[in-house]
Structures are given as structure tokens and as C-alpha cells.
Amino acid sequence: MARQHPEEPTLVELTIEEVKAMGKQGMAHPSTRPVLTGGVVGGVIGAVLPVVSWPVGLFVGAGIALYSRVKR
């Protein structure tokens, strides 16, 4: 049985489309700068906190920024 898509795309589908668009348009895409900024902020926080490393902080910061852009 074929899976039918609901009328509204899911959060995962929206996120995938946003990442694809960011990859194609680069810095011209409106979400690129906020996501990069979120990654930098997360990386700095991760470097300062002893429990979290900077790569984890970078990934989490970028993820939060991307989520906030897609959720709008």
C-alpha cells in the first residue's frame, strides 16, 4: 500500500528542504547566516562548558537555529 502524504509537510520534510535550499543558495539563502551563527554560539558554549565539547555545541547550536527557522 502506498503511503499518502498529508496536506502539510512534516517537520522533517521541511527541514530537509531547508537544508537543500541552503546548500544550493549558500550565503544568499536567508537561513544560512542564522544557522551558522547558532553553530558558532553553540561551539563557544561547548568549549566553555566542561561537560560538552565544542563540536557537540556547534552541532546543537546549529540544530536549534535551523529548527527555529523551519518552525516559523
N, C-alpha and C. Protein backbone atom coordinates (compact mmCIF):
# COMPACT_ATOMS: atom_id res chain seq x y z
N MET A 1 0.84 -1.17 0.00
CA MET A 1 0.00 0.00 0.00
C MET A 1 0.89 1.24 0.00
N ALA A 2 0.63 2.18 -0.86
CA ALA A 2 1.45 3.39 -0.96
C ALA A 2 1.12 4.33 0.19
N ARG A 3 2.15 4.94 0.71
CA ARG A 3 1.99 5.91 1.81
C ARG A 3 1.53 7.23 1.22
N GLN A 4 0.46 7.76 1.76
CA GLN A 4 -0.05 9.03 1.28
C GLN A 4 0.49 10.15 2.16
N HIS A 5 0.89 11.24 1.53
CA HIS A 5 1.41 12.39 2.26
C HIS A 5 0.25 13.25 2.76
N PRO A 6 0.37 13.72 3.99
CA PRO A 6 -0.65 14.66 4.46
C PRO A 6 -0.54 15.97 3.67
N GLU A 7 -1.54 16.80 3.78
CA GLU A 7 -1.54 18.05 3.02
C GLU A 7 -0.38 18.95 3.43
N GLU A 8 -0.08 19.00 4.72
CA GLU A 8 1.04 19.81 5.18
C GLU A 8 2.27 18.92 5.34
N PRO A 9 3.44 19.39 4.88
CA PRO A 9 4.65 18.58 5.04
C PRO A 9 5.04 18.49 6.51
N THR A 10 5.71 17.39 6.86
CA THR A 10 6.16 17.18 8.23
C THR A 10 7.36 18.07 8.53
N LEU A 11 7.69 18.17 9.79
CA LEU A 11 8.84 18.97 10.21
C LEU A 11 10.13 18.42 9.59
N VAL A 12 10.24 17.11 9.49
CA VAL A 12 11.44 16.50 8.89
C VAL A 12 11.53 16.88 7.41
N GLU A 13 10.42 16.81 6.70
CA GLU A 13 10.42 17.17 5.28
C GLU A 13 10.76 18.65 5.09
N LEU A 14 10.21 19.51 5.94
CA LEU A 14 10.53 20.93 5.85
C LEU A 14 12.01 21.18 6.12
N THR A 15 12.56 20.48 7.11
CA THR A 15 13.97 20.66 7.45
C THR A 15 14.87 20.20 6.31
N ILE A 16 14.55 19.08 5.71
CA ILE A 16 15.34 18.56 4.59
C ILE A 16 15.31 19.55 3.43
N GLU A 17 14.14 20.08 3.12
CA GLU A 17 14.03 21.05 2.04
C GLU A 17 14.82 22.32 2.36
N GLU A 18 14.80 22.76 3.62
CA GLU A 18 15.53 23.96 4.01
C GLU A 18 17.04 23.75 3.87
N VAL A 19 17.51 22.59 4.29
CA VAL A 19 18.95 22.29 4.18
C VAL A 19 19.36 22.20 2.72
N LYS A 20 18.53 21.58 1.89
CA LYS A 20 18.83 21.51 0.45
C LYS A 20 18.91 22.91 -0.16
N ALA A 21 17.95 23.76 0.20
CA ALA A 21 17.94 25.13 -0.33
C ALA A 21 19.17 25.90 0.14
N MET A 22 19.55 25.71 1.40
CA MET A 22 20.75 26.37 1.92
C MET A 22 21.99 25.90 1.17
N GLY A 23 22.04 24.60 0.85
CA GLY A 23 23.17 24.07 0.11
C GLY A 23 23.26 24.61 -1.30
N LYS A 24 22.12 24.80 -1.94
CA LYS A 24 22.11 25.32 -3.31
C LYS A 24 22.40 26.81 -3.37
N GLN A 25 21.83 27.58 -2.44
CA GLN A 25 21.95 29.03 -2.50
C GLN A 25 23.11 29.58 -1.68
N GLY A 26 23.66 28.78 -0.80
CA GLY A 26 24.80 29.23 0.00
C GLY A 26 24.45 30.40 0.90
N MET A 27 25.33 31.39 0.93
CA MET A 27 25.14 32.55 1.81
C MET A 27 23.98 33.45 1.36
N ALA A 28 23.48 33.26 0.16
CA ALA A 28 22.35 34.06 -0.32
C ALA A 28 21.03 33.62 0.31
N HIS A 29 20.98 32.41 0.85
CA HIS A 29 19.76 31.91 1.48
C HIS A 29 19.55 32.59 2.82
N PRO A 30 18.33 33.00 3.14
CA PRO A 30 18.08 33.74 4.39
C PRO A 30 18.32 32.93 5.66
N SER A 31 18.35 31.62 5.61
CA SER A 31 18.57 30.82 6.81
C SER A 31 20.04 30.52 7.08
N THR A 32 20.90 30.72 6.10
CA THR A 32 22.30 30.31 6.25
C THR A 32 23.00 31.06 7.37
N ARG A 33 22.92 32.37 7.38
CA ARG A 33 23.61 33.16 8.41
C ARG A 33 23.12 32.84 9.82
N PRO A 34 21.80 32.78 10.08
CA PRO A 34 21.37 32.45 11.44
C PRO A 34 21.81 31.05 11.89
N VAL A 35 21.81 30.09 10.96
CA VAL A 35 22.22 28.73 11.34
C VAL A 35 23.72 28.70 11.63
N LEU A 36 24.52 29.39 10.81
CA LEU A 36 25.95 29.46 11.08
C LEU A 36 26.24 30.18 12.39
N THR A 37 25.50 31.25 12.65
CA THR A 37 25.67 31.98 13.91
C THR A 37 25.31 31.09 15.10
N GLY A 38 24.22 30.35 14.97
CA GLY A 38 23.84 29.41 16.03
C GLY A 38 24.91 28.36 16.27
N GLY A 39 25.52 27.89 15.20
CA GLY A 39 26.61 26.91 15.34
C GLY A 39 27.81 27.50 16.04
N VAL A 40 28.16 28.73 15.71
CA VAL A 40 29.31 29.38 16.35
C VAL A 40 29.03 29.61 17.83
N VAL A 41 27.84 30.10 18.15
CA VAL A 41 27.48 30.33 19.55
C VAL A 41 27.49 29.01 20.32
N GLY A 42 26.92 27.98 19.73
CA GLY A 42 26.93 26.66 20.37
C GLY A 42 28.33 26.12 20.55
N GLY A 43 29.20 26.34 19.56
CA GLY A 43 30.59 25.89 19.67
C GLY A 43 31.33 26.60 20.78
N VAL A 44 31.10 27.90 20.93
CA VAL A 44 31.74 28.65 22.01
C VAL A 44 31.23 28.17 23.36
N ILE A 45 29.93 27.99 23.47
CA ILE A 45 29.38 27.48 24.73
C ILE A 45 29.92 26.09 25.03
N GLY A 46 30.00 25.26 24.02
CA GLY A 46 30.55 23.91 24.20
C GLY A 46 32.00 23.92 24.62
N ALA A 47 32.77 24.90 24.13
CA ALA A 47 34.18 25.00 24.51
C ALA A 47 34.34 25.47 25.95
N VAL A 48 33.40 26.30 26.42
CA VAL A 48 33.48 26.83 27.78
C VAL A 48 33.01 25.81 28.81
N LEU A 49 31.96 25.07 28.49
CA LEU A 49 31.42 24.10 29.45
C LEU A 49 32.30 22.85 29.49
N PRO A 50 32.61 22.37 30.68
CA PRO A 50 33.49 21.20 30.79
C PRO A 50 32.80 19.88 30.38
N VAL A 51 31.48 19.84 30.40
CA VAL A 51 30.76 18.60 30.12
C VAL A 51 30.58 18.37 28.62
N VAL A 52 30.51 19.45 27.85
CA VAL A 52 30.21 19.38 26.41
C VAL A 52 31.43 19.85 25.63
N SER A 53 31.76 19.14 24.56
CA SER A 53 32.87 19.57 23.72
C SER A 53 32.36 20.57 22.67
N TRP A 54 33.27 21.29 22.04
CA TRP A 54 32.86 22.31 21.07
C TRP A 54 32.16 21.73 19.85
N PRO A 55 32.55 20.53 19.34
CA PRO A 55 31.80 20.02 18.18
C PRO A 55 30.34 19.71 18.52
N VAL A 56 30.11 19.19 19.72
CA VAL A 56 28.74 18.90 20.13
C VAL A 56 27.97 20.21 20.26
N GLY A 57 28.57 21.22 20.87
CA GLY A 57 27.93 22.52 21.00
C GLY A 57 27.64 23.14 19.65
N LEU A 58 28.57 23.01 18.71
CA LEU A 58 28.37 23.54 17.37
C LEU A 58 27.18 22.88 16.70
N PHE A 59 27.11 21.57 16.78
CA PHE A 59 26.02 20.82 16.16
C PHE A 59 24.68 21.17 16.80
N VAL A 60 24.65 21.24 18.12
CA VAL A 60 23.40 21.55 18.82
C VAL A 60 22.97 22.99 18.53
N GLY A 61 23.90 23.93 18.56
CA GLY A 61 23.57 25.32 18.27
C GLY A 61 23.02 25.51 16.87
N ALA A 62 23.65 24.87 15.90
CA ALA A 62 23.16 24.95 14.51
C ALA A 62 21.81 24.27 14.38
N GLY A 63 21.63 23.16 15.08
CA GLY A 63 20.35 22.46 15.04
C GLY A 63 19.21 23.28 15.62
N ILE A 64 19.48 23.95 16.72
CA ILE A 64 18.46 24.79 17.34
C ILE A 64 18.10 25.96 16.42
N ALA A 65 19.10 26.58 15.83
CA ALA A 65 18.85 27.69 14.92
C ALA A 65 18.06 27.23 13.69
N LEU A 66 18.42 26.07 13.15
CA LEU A 66 17.70 25.54 11.99
C LEU A 66 16.26 25.22 12.36
N TYR A 67 16.06 24.62 13.51
CA TYR A 67 14.71 24.29 13.98
C TYR A 67 13.85 25.55 14.12
N SER A 68 14.45 26.59 14.68
CA SER A 68 13.68 27.82 14.86
C SER A 68 13.33 28.46 13.51
N ARG A 69 14.18 28.31 12.51
CA ARG A 69 13.89 28.84 11.18
C ARG A 69 12.79 28.04 10.48
N VAL A 70 12.82 26.72 10.63
CA VAL A 70 11.86 25.85 9.96
C VAL A 70 10.50 25.92 10.65
N LYS A 71 10.49 26.05 11.94
CA LYS A 71 9.26 26.02 12.72
C LYS A 71 8.36 27.23 12.44
N ARG A 72 8.90 28.34 11.95
CA ARG A 72 8.10 29.55 11.69
C ARG A 72 6.95 29.31 10.80
